[in-house]
Amino acid sequence: MPQTLQLTNPMDMHLHLREGELLESVLPFTTQAFSAAVVMPNLKTPITTTTQALAYKKQILSLCSSPFEPLMSIFLTPELDKQELILAKEAGIKILKLYPKGATTGSEGGVKDILCEKTLQVFAIAEELGFILSIHGESNGFCMEREYEFLPVFAYIAQHFPHLRIIIEHMSDRRSLEMIEKYENLYATLTLHHITMNLDDVCGGMLNPHHFCKPMLKTRKDQQALLQAALKAHPKVSFGSDSAPHLASAKLSSKGAAGIFSAPILLPALTEVFESHNTLDSLQAFVSDRAITNYGLEHFPTKSITLERVQNSVPAYIDTPLGHIIPLRAQSNLSWRIKKN
């Protein structure tokens, strides 16, 4: 039984860092554990231009106390033009993030008609310039079927833009696995919470708003199918936490903000999961190698993270100047921790 585990260049390919004092409070949990992360652009003022993305990146880097690369993304709107996308590419930005309008937090400015002529033109330019298209793929239908109902949209884009790399973000439905097998240019990210929890963890006993997220946690069958894809380090699936901090007051309000704050526990918890299934040898691929290949990050500087088998407690809350945030698995014990240098 190993007492330490070394991971090279762990990467989080889907991360919410927020802004202002909240950014300052949550960023260290990611920078101590990961060499890079894809930073989501759905801020209060969405990141729709290269200038905004670079300013946000500069702010993030100014707060980093250890080596870390924020991989910036642009919030896709039908008004994006080729000139702006060329500027983004020249600045090293290669990811466009598409939100269906109203699908999740900060998506009020998202795309209402995904397959309208103007949006298809953006896809064509993105394909020409070599961008990656990351999509929060949900319909406006019944909450448990939204990802499944969106699959025909993924299929249409994959068929009509065969050289455009497309990511099913935070895959939550086992039927999505069939789609990434069917289309060569379709990939996915998986979260810790979708491979370790299901709807029972939200409302099977007492209602737990801290497990409420979008896309919804689904059935045990979905959870198990996605878990197997992670444990086998499926070649078309990268780790993306979708860690999304909300103040406890927002989670407990009548509206109940959607999002799970998992950043404080990600690598220790993933190590526990993979060890419990005797697949620790696949963890490096899941949290790093697949992302490097699928996102074209081969020339990334090397950063090593060592985990040690030491029991530690997850705090009841994370304090910020704006209030408390409740982390995933609050007040539970983990059998691994990140070793301090």
Protein backbone atom coordinates (compact mmCIF):
# COMPACT_ATOMS: atom_id res chain seq x y z
CA MET A 1 0.00 0.00 0.00
CA PRO A 2 1.73 3.21 -1.15
CA GLN A 3 2.27 5.97 1.40
CA THR A 4 2.90 8.68 -1.18
CA LEU A 5 1.77 9.34 -4.73
CA GLN A 6 3.29 11.75 -7.22
CA LEU A 7 1.24 13.38 -9.96
CA THR A 8 2.83 15.36 -12.79
CA ASN A 9 1.02 18.42 -14.13
CA PRO A 10 -2.46 17.80 -12.71
CA MET A 11 -4.93 19.91 -14.67
CA ASP A 12 -8.47 21.05 -13.96
CA MET A 13 -10.16 21.59 -17.31
CA HIS A 14 -13.29 23.29 -15.94
CA LEU A 15 -13.02 25.75 -13.05
CA HIS A 16 -14.97 28.70 -11.68
CA LEU A 17 -12.81 31.24 -9.84
CA ARG A 18 -15.31 34.11 -9.63
CA GLU A 19 -13.84 37.60 -9.09
CA GLY A 20 -12.82 40.16 -6.48
CA GLU A 21 -12.59 39.01 -2.86
CA LEU A 22 -14.11 35.64 -3.70
CA LEU A 23 -11.38 35.00 -6.29
CA GLU A 24 -8.70 35.83 -3.72
CA SER A 25 -10.26 33.41 -1.23
CA VAL A 26 -10.73 30.37 -3.50
CA LEU A 27 -7.75 30.60 -5.87
CA PRO A 28 -5.13 29.10 -3.49
CA PHE A 29 -7.00 25.79 -3.31
CA THR A 30 -6.41 25.35 -7.04
CA THR A 31 -2.91 26.77 -7.37
CA GLN A 32 -1.52 24.47 -4.65
CA ALA A 33 -2.92 21.38 -6.39
CA PHE A 34 -2.90 22.03 -10.14
CA SER A 35 -0.42 23.26 -12.72
CA ALA A 36 -3.18 24.70 -14.91
CA ALA A 37 -6.93 25.11 -15.13
CA VAL A 38 -9.44 26.20 -17.74
CA VAL A 39 -11.04 29.28 -16.21
CA MET A 40 -14.72 29.80 -16.96
CA PRO A 41 -15.77 33.17 -18.42
CA ASN A 42 -19.28 33.52 -16.93
CA LEU A 43 -18.52 36.38 -14.56
CA LYS A 44 -21.03 39.08 -13.65
CA THR A 45 -19.77 40.81 -16.79
CA PRO A 46 -19.05 37.84 -19.10
CA ILE A 47 -15.57 37.58 -20.63
CA THR A 48 -16.53 38.12 -24.28
CA THR A 49 -13.33 39.76 -25.60
CA THR A 50 -9.60 39.08 -25.65
CA THR A 51 -8.95 42.27 -23.70
CA GLN A 52 -11.25 41.16 -20.89
CA ALA A 53 -9.74 37.67 -20.83
CA LEU A 54 -6.18 38.99 -20.60
CA ALA A 55 -7.14 41.43 -17.84
CA TYR A 56 -8.76 38.57 -15.89
CA LYS A 57 -5.68 36.39 -16.43
CA LYS A 58 -3.42 39.18 -15.18
CA GLN A 59 -5.55 39.52 -12.05
CA ILE A 60 -5.38 35.77 -11.40
CA LEU A 61 -1.61 35.63 -11.90
CA SER A 62 -1.10 38.58 -9.56
CA LEU A 63 -2.67 36.50 -6.79
CA CYS A 64 -0.73 33.27 -7.43
CA SER A 65 1.85 32.23 -4.85
CA SER A 66 2.95 29.11 -6.75
CA PRO A 67 3.46 28.26 -10.44
CA PHE A 68 0.09 28.10 -12.16
CA GLU A 69 -1.25 28.72 -15.67
CA PRO A 70 -4.81 29.99 -16.08
CA LEU A 71 -6.10 28.74 -19.44
CA MET A 72 -8.50 31.46 -20.46
CA SER A 73 -11.73 31.04 -22.37
CA ILE A 74 -14.05 33.38 -24.25
CA PHE A 75 -17.80 33.50 -23.57
CA LEU A 76 -19.33 32.72 -26.97
CA THR A 77 -21.95 35.07 -28.37
CA PRO A 78 -23.33 35.18 -31.93
CA GLU A 79 -21.65 38.60 -32.28
CA LEU A 80 -18.12 37.20 -32.04
CA ASP A 81 -16.30 37.97 -35.29
CA LYS A 82 -13.18 36.68 -36.98
CA GLN A 83 -11.07 39.67 -36.01
CA GLU A 84 -11.75 39.11 -32.32
CA LEU A 85 -11.06 35.39 -32.60
CA ILE A 86 -7.77 36.06 -34.37
CA LEU A 87 -6.80 38.40 -31.53
CA ALA A 88 -7.69 35.69 -29.02
CA LYS A 89 -5.65 33.09 -30.83
CA GLU A 90 -2.63 35.39 -31.07
CA ALA A 91 -2.94 35.93 -27.31
CA GLY A 92 -2.80 32.17 -26.70
CA ILE A 93 -6.50 31.74 -25.99
CA LYS A 94 -7.89 28.64 -27.68
CA ILE A 95 -11.16 27.83 -25.90
CA LEU A 96 -14.64 29.18 -26.60
CA LYS A 97 -17.32 28.46 -24.01
CA LEU A 98 -20.93 28.18 -25.14
CA TYR A 99 -23.75 28.52 -22.63
CA PRO A 100 -27.36 28.01 -23.67
CA LYS A 101 -29.21 31.09 -22.45
CA GLY A 102 -30.34 30.64 -18.85
CA ALA A 103 -28.98 27.11 -18.50
CA THR A 104 -26.84 27.77 -15.42
CA THR A 105 -25.19 30.41 -13.24
CA GLY A 106 -24.07 33.43 -15.25
CA SER A 107 -25.62 32.26 -18.51
CA GLU A 108 -28.18 35.03 -18.89
CA GLY A 109 -26.15 36.34 -21.82
CA GLY A 110 -25.83 32.90 -23.38
CA VAL A 111 -27.00 31.76 -26.80
CA LYS A 112 -30.76 31.39 -27.22
CA ASP A 113 -30.72 29.66 -30.62
CA ILE A 114 -27.64 27.42 -30.70
CA LEU A 115 -27.96 26.55 -34.40
CA CYS A 116 -28.89 29.97 -35.76
CA GLU A 117 -27.01 31.29 -38.78
CA LYS A 118 -24.83 33.73 -36.82
CA THR A 119 -23.75 31.10 -34.28
CA LEU A 120 -22.97 28.62 -37.04
CA GLN A 121 -20.74 31.27 -38.61
CA VAL A 122 -18.85 31.57 -35.31
CA PHE A 123 -18.41 27.77 -35.29
CA ALA A 124 -17.02 27.90 -38.83
CA ILE A 125 -14.48 30.57 -37.91
CA ALA A 126 -13.55 28.68 -34.75
CA GLU A 127 -12.99 25.53 -36.81
CA GLU A 128 -10.85 27.43 -39.32
CA LEU A 129 -8.67 28.97 -36.60
CA GLY A 130 -8.29 25.80 -34.55
CA PHE A 131 -10.30 26.71 -31.45
CA ILE A 132 -11.79 24.24 -28.98
CA LEU A 133 -15.54 24.60 -28.42
CA SER A 134 -16.58 23.77 -24.86
CA ILE A 135 -20.33 23.49 -24.34
CA HIS A 136 -22.61 23.41 -21.32
CA GLY A 137 -24.94 21.04 -23.12
CA GLU A 138 -28.43 21.22 -21.65
CA SER A 139 -31.89 21.88 -23.04
CA ASN A 140 -34.64 23.73 -21.19
CA GLY A 141 -36.61 20.53 -20.66
CA PHE A 142 -37.09 18.22 -17.66
CA CYS A 143 -34.03 18.66 -15.42
CA MET A 144 -32.96 15.00 -15.49
CA GLU A 145 -33.19 14.78 -19.30
CA ARG A 146 -31.62 18.09 -20.31
CA GLU A 147 -28.22 16.73 -21.28
CA TYR A 148 -29.76 13.85 -23.20
CA GLU A 149 -32.12 16.22 -25.01
CA PHE A 150 -29.12 18.36 -26.03
CA LEU A 151 -27.23 15.45 -27.62
CA PRO A 152 -28.71 16.07 -31.11
CA VAL A 153 -27.16 19.55 -30.98
CA PHE A 154 -23.77 18.03 -30.21
CA ALA A 155 -24.29 15.59 -33.08
CA TYR A 156 -25.20 18.38 -35.52
CA ILE A 157 -22.16 20.47 -34.66
CA ALA A 158 -19.84 17.44 -34.75
CA GLN A 159 -21.16 16.39 -38.16
CA HIS A 160 -21.12 19.81 -39.80
CA PHE A 161 -17.80 20.98 -38.33
CA PRO A 162 -15.70 17.80 -38.37
CA HIS A 163 -12.42 19.60 -37.70
CA LEU A 164 -13.77 21.53 -34.70
CA ARG A 165 -12.86 19.91 -31.38
CA ILE A 166 -15.97 19.92 -29.17
CA ILE A 167 -16.15 19.27 -25.43
CA ILE A 168 -19.22 18.00 -23.57
CA GLU A 169 -18.56 19.85 -20.33
CA HIS A 170 -19.21 18.13 -16.98
CA MET A 171 -20.76 15.05 -18.59
CA SER A 172 -23.55 13.78 -16.33
CA ASP A 173 -25.60 11.31 -18.39
CA ARG A 174 -24.36 7.83 -19.31
CA ARG A 175 -25.90 8.21 -22.76
CA SER A 176 -23.39 10.96 -23.52
CA LEU A 177 -20.64 8.32 -23.46
CA GLU A 178 -22.13 6.83 -26.63
CA MET A 179 -21.83 10.22 -28.35
CA ILE A 180 -18.12 10.68 -27.72
CA GLU A 181 -17.56 7.18 -29.09
CA LYS A 182 -19.58 7.96 -32.20
CA TYR A 183 -17.94 11.26 -33.24
CA GLU A 184 -14.20 11.57 -33.62
CA ASN A 185 -14.17 15.29 -32.76
CA LEU A 186 -16.34 15.02 -29.64
CA TYR A 187 -14.74 14.86 -26.18
CA ALA A 188 -15.84 15.38 -22.57
CA THR A 189 -14.86 16.45 -19.07
CA LEU A 190 -15.89 14.69 -15.87
CA THR A 191 -16.27 16.08 -12.36
CA LEU A 192 -15.53 14.51 -9.00
CA HIS A 193 -19.15 14.92 -7.92
CA HIS A 194 -20.70 13.27 -10.98
CA ILE A 195 -18.54 10.15 -10.55
CA THR A 196 -19.05 9.83 -6.79
CA MET A 197 -22.63 11.00 -6.17
CA ASN A 198 -26.14 10.74 -7.56
CA LEU A 199 -29.56 12.30 -6.97
CA ASP A 200 -29.91 10.43 -3.67
CA ASP A 201 -27.12 12.66 -2.33
CA VAL A 202 -29.23 15.73 -3.09
CA CYS A 203 -32.68 14.67 -1.94
CA GLY A 204 -32.68 10.96 -1.05
CA GLY A 205 -32.82 11.83 2.64
CA MET A 206 -32.79 15.34 3.99
CA LEU A 207 -32.44 17.95 1.24
CA ASN A 208 -28.76 18.91 0.78
CA PRO A 209 -28.50 22.18 -1.18
CA HIS A 210 -24.70 21.98 -1.14
CA HIS A 211 -24.96 19.02 -3.54
CA PHE A 212 -27.25 20.89 -5.93
CA CYS A 213 -25.55 21.63 -9.24
CA LYS A 214 -26.16 21.91 -12.96
CA PRO A 215 -26.20 19.60 -14.73
CA MET A 216 -28.07 17.73 -12.00
CA LEU A 217 -26.60 14.68 -10.32
CA LYS A 218 -28.48 11.82 -11.93
CA THR A 219 -29.14 8.13 -11.34
CA ARG A 220 -26.86 5.54 -9.78
CA LYS A 221 -26.52 3.94 -13.24
CA ASP A 222 -25.29 7.23 -14.66
CA GLN A 223 -22.86 7.69 -11.78
CA GLN A 224 -21.44 4.18 -12.19
CA ALA A 225 -21.01 4.48 -15.96
CA LEU A 226 -19.21 7.81 -15.62
CA LEU A 227 -17.09 6.46 -12.77
CA GLN A 228 -15.92 3.58 -14.96
CA ALA A 229 -14.94 6.02 -17.72
CA ALA A 230 -12.84 7.94 -15.19
CA LEU A 231 -11.26 4.86 -13.60
CA LYS A 232 -10.23 3.58 -17.03
CA ALA A 233 -8.95 7.04 -18.01
CA HIS A 234 -11.08 7.03 -21.14
CA PRO A 235 -8.89 8.58 -23.87
CA LYS A 236 -11.51 11.18 -24.80
CA VAL A 237 -12.32 12.27 -21.25
CA SER A 238 -10.38 14.82 -19.16
CA PHE A 239 -10.85 15.80 -15.55
CA GLY A 240 -12.71 19.08 -15.06
CA SER A 241 -13.93 19.80 -11.55
CA ASP A 242 -16.62 22.40 -12.27
CA SER A 243 -15.77 23.63 -8.78
CA ALA A 244 -18.19 26.52 -8.35
CA PRO A 245 -18.07 28.52 -5.12
CA HIS A 246 -21.25 30.11 -3.81
CA LEU A 247 -21.70 31.73 -0.44
CA ALA A 248 -23.67 29.55 1.98
CA SER A 249 -26.30 32.29 2.11
CA ALA A 250 -26.86 31.91 -1.65
CA LYS A 251 -27.02 28.11 -1.43
CA LEU A 252 -29.55 28.29 1.39
CA SER A 253 -31.69 31.04 -0.10
CA SER A 254 -35.10 30.47 -1.65
CA LYS A 255 -33.48 30.38 -5.10
CA GLY A 256 -30.77 27.88 -4.09
CA ALA A 257 -27.65 28.67 -6.19
CA ALA A 258 -26.44 25.76 -8.33
CA GLY A 259 -22.82 24.74 -7.87
CA ILE A 260 -20.55 22.49 -5.80
CA PHE A 261 -17.33 23.87 -4.31
CA SER A 262 -14.93 20.95 -4.57
CA ALA A 263 -11.57 22.74 -5.04
CA PRO A 264 -10.31 22.18 -1.45
CA ILE A 265 -10.47 18.37 -1.71
CA LEU A 266 -10.03 17.43 -5.37
CA LEU A 267 -6.75 15.53 -5.59
CA PRO A 268 -7.00 13.78 -2.18
CA ALA A 269 -10.59 12.75 -2.89
CA LEU A 270 -9.77 11.52 -6.38
CA THR A 271 -6.85 9.54 -4.98
CA GLU A 272 -9.23 7.88 -2.51
CA VAL A 273 -11.68 7.00 -5.27
CA PHE A 274 -9.08 5.50 -7.59
CA GLU A 275 -7.34 3.64 -4.77
CA SER A 276 -10.63 2.14 -3.56
CA HIS A 277 -11.11 0.65 -7.04
CA ASN A 278 -7.48 -0.49 -7.40
CA THR A 279 -6.88 1.87 -10.31
CA LEU A 280 -4.32 4.32 -8.89
CA ASP A 281 -2.19 3.69 -11.97
CA SER A 282 -4.88 5.43 -14.07
CA LEU A 283 -5.10 8.61 -11.99
CA GLN A 284 -2.18 10.36 -13.71
CA ALA A 285 -3.84 9.89 -17.08
CA PHE A 286 -7.23 11.07 -15.85
CA VAL A 287 -6.03 14.25 -14.13
CA SER A 288 -3.28 15.19 -16.56
CA ASP A 289 -2.31 13.12 -19.59
CA ARG A 290 -5.73 13.15 -21.27
CA ALA A 291 -5.98 16.92 -20.93
CA ILE A 292 -2.49 17.45 -22.33
CA THR A 293 -3.35 15.36 -25.39
CA ASN A 294 -6.95 16.45 -25.91
CA TYR A 295 -6.30 20.18 -25.47
CA GLY A 296 -2.88 20.28 -27.15
CA LEU A 297 -0.82 21.27 -24.09
CA GLU A 298 2.27 19.17 -24.84
CA HIS A 299 4.79 21.96 -24.19
CA PHE A 300 3.57 22.75 -20.70
CA PRO A 301 6.19 23.34 -17.93
CA THR A 302 6.43 20.45 -15.47
CA LYS A 303 4.95 20.73 -11.98
CA SER A 304 4.88 17.78 -9.60
CA ILE A 305 2.38 17.33 -6.77
CA THR A 306 3.01 14.77 -4.03
CA LEU A 307 0.15 13.32 -2.03
CA GLU A 308 0.79 11.55 1.26
CA ARG A 309 -1.32 9.07 3.17
CA VAL A 310 -2.21 11.26 6.13
CA GLN A 311 -5.73 11.52 7.48
CA ASN A 312 -7.04 15.06 7.53
CA SER A 313 -10.38 16.71 8.12
CA VAL A 314 -12.33 18.79 5.61
CA PRO A 315 -13.34 22.03 7.35
CA ALA A 316 -16.98 22.84 8.03
CA TYR A 317 -16.68 25.97 5.93
CA ILE A 318 -14.22 28.21 4.10
CA ASP A 319 -14.24 31.75 5.42
CA THR A 320 -14.13 34.67 2.98
CA PRO A 321 -14.58 38.42 3.46
CA LEU A 322 -18.05 38.02 1.96
CA GLY A 323 -19.19 35.08 4.08
CA HIS A 324 -18.81 31.30 4.39
CA ILE A 325 -18.55 28.77 1.56
CA ILE A 326 -19.37 25.13 2.34
CA PRO A 327 -16.94 22.76 0.58
CA LEU A 328 -17.82 19.33 -0.74
CA ARG A 329 -17.49 16.69 2.02
CA ALA A 330 -17.42 19.32 4.74
CA GLN A 331 -16.62 17.90 8.20
CA SER A 332 -15.61 14.51 6.81
CA ASN A 333 -12.17 12.87 6.80
CA LEU A 334 -9.88 12.24 3.86
CA SER A 335 -7.15 9.61 3.96
CA TRP A 336 -4.80 11.58 1.67
CA ARG A 337 -3.53 15.13 1.61
CA ILE A 338 -1.24 17.24 -0.56
CA LYS A 339 2.25 17.25 0.90
CA LYS A 340 3.55 20.71 1.68
CA ASN A 341 6.91 21.63 0.19
